[in-house]
Amino acid sequence: MKMGVHQHSLAQSWQNADQVYLYEPPGMDWSLEEAAKGSKVPTSCYNKVEDIVQQLKVIAQPQDHILVMSNGGFEGIHQRILDALAEDKG
């Protein structure tokens, strides 16, 4: 399957979210920022996973739901988010 096959309908997948953070890794042959232009939800694009983790650490509140959607390992973001959020409780 060609990468980006759903790029024109991607923004529809998160329309029930409050905020969306996108990771655009180096070497992508299409732009997530461009794909997000039609979003009605506030959307931010990052080229470093650590920047997303740190942003979530700053804004996440108790009882928030964080959904990570990925078609790959995403540099271990799941555990990195959990670890970052746990630091605040330490």
Protein backbone atom coordinates (compact mmCIF):
# COMPACT_ATOMS: atom_id res chain seq x y z
CA MET A 1 0.00 0.00 0.00
CA LYS A 2 1.29 3.44 -0.88
CA MET A 3 2.01 5.71 2.09
CA GLY A 4 -0.49 8.54 2.41
CA VAL A 5 -3.30 6.79 0.58
CA HIS A 6 -5.76 8.28 3.11
CA GLN A 7 -4.14 11.70 3.38
CA HIS A 8 -7.13 13.52 1.89
CA SER A 9 -9.59 12.01 4.38
CA LEU A 10 -7.28 11.82 7.40
CA ALA A 11 -8.67 14.92 9.11
CA GLN A 12 -12.10 13.28 9.26
CA SER A 13 -10.70 10.58 11.57
CA TRP A 14 -10.16 12.97 14.47
CA GLN A 15 -13.15 15.31 14.27
CA ASN A 16 -14.41 14.20 17.70
CA ALA A 17 -11.11 15.04 19.39
CA ASP A 18 -10.45 18.20 21.39
CA GLN A 19 -6.87 18.59 20.16
CA VAL A 20 -4.66 16.68 17.71
CA TYR A 21 -0.87 16.35 17.67
CA LEU A 22 0.67 14.89 14.54
CA TYR A 23 4.15 13.45 14.11
CA GLU A 24 5.66 13.90 10.68
CA PRO A 25 8.86 11.83 10.55
CA PRO A 26 11.75 12.78 8.31
CA GLY A 27 11.46 11.57 4.74
CA MET A 28 7.68 11.53 4.40
CA ASP A 29 6.69 12.09 0.80
CA TRP A 30 3.53 14.01 1.73
CA SER A 31 2.69 16.66 4.32
CA LEU A 32 0.63 15.99 7.44
CA GLU A 33 0.30 19.72 7.92
CA GLU A 34 -1.27 19.96 4.48
CA ALA A 35 -3.58 17.03 5.24
CA ALA A 36 -4.69 18.73 8.47
CA LYS A 37 -5.69 21.99 6.81
CA GLY A 38 -9.32 20.91 6.54
CA SER A 39 -9.53 20.00 10.22
CA LYS A 40 -12.14 21.70 12.39
CA VAL A 41 -10.14 20.54 15.43
CA PRO A 42 -7.00 22.42 16.57
CA THR A 43 -4.10 20.47 15.08
CA SER A 44 -0.34 20.81 15.57
CA CYS A 45 2.40 19.06 13.58
CA TYR A 46 5.72 18.05 15.10
CA ASN A 47 8.85 16.50 13.63
CA LYS A 48 10.10 15.16 16.98
CA VAL A 49 8.21 12.65 19.13
CA GLU A 50 9.79 14.15 22.26
CA ASP A 51 8.11 17.48 21.49
CA ILE A 52 4.70 15.78 21.48
CA VAL A 53 5.48 13.99 24.75
CA GLN A 54 6.54 17.25 26.41
CA GLN A 55 3.47 19.11 25.13
CA LEU A 56 1.17 16.40 26.50
CA LYS A 57 3.00 16.53 29.82
CA VAL A 58 2.22 20.25 30.03
CA ILE A 59 -1.44 20.17 29.02
CA ALA A 60 -2.77 16.76 30.14
CA GLN A 61 -5.14 16.86 33.07
CA PRO A 62 -6.39 14.04 35.30
CA GLN A 63 -9.21 12.14 33.61
CA ASP A 64 -8.09 13.20 30.10
CA HIS A 65 -8.09 10.50 27.44
CA ILE A 66 -5.07 10.37 25.16
CA LEU A 67 -5.40 8.29 22.02
CA VAL A 68 -2.29 7.40 20.05
CA MET A 69 -2.87 6.24 16.50
CA SER A 70 0.09 4.90 14.58
CA ASN A 71 1.01 2.46 11.88
CA GLY A 72 4.42 1.85 13.43
CA GLY A 73 6.44 1.90 16.63
CA PHE A 74 6.29 5.70 16.87
CA GLU A 75 9.59 5.73 18.80
CA GLY A 76 7.98 4.19 21.88
CA ILE A 77 5.66 7.14 22.37
CA HIS A 78 3.12 5.14 24.39
CA GLN A 79 5.55 4.42 27.22
CA ARG A 80 7.22 7.79 26.90
CA ILE A 81 3.88 9.54 27.50
CA LEU A 82 3.13 7.32 30.49
CA ASP A 83 6.57 7.96 31.94
CA ALA A 84 6.30 11.74 31.43
CA LEU A 85 2.88 11.90 33.06
CA ALA A 86 4.05 9.76 35.98
CA GLU A 87 6.92 12.20 36.63
CA ASP A 88 4.42 14.84 37.68
CA LYS A 89 2.96 12.50 40.30
CA GLY A 90 6.40 11.62 41.69
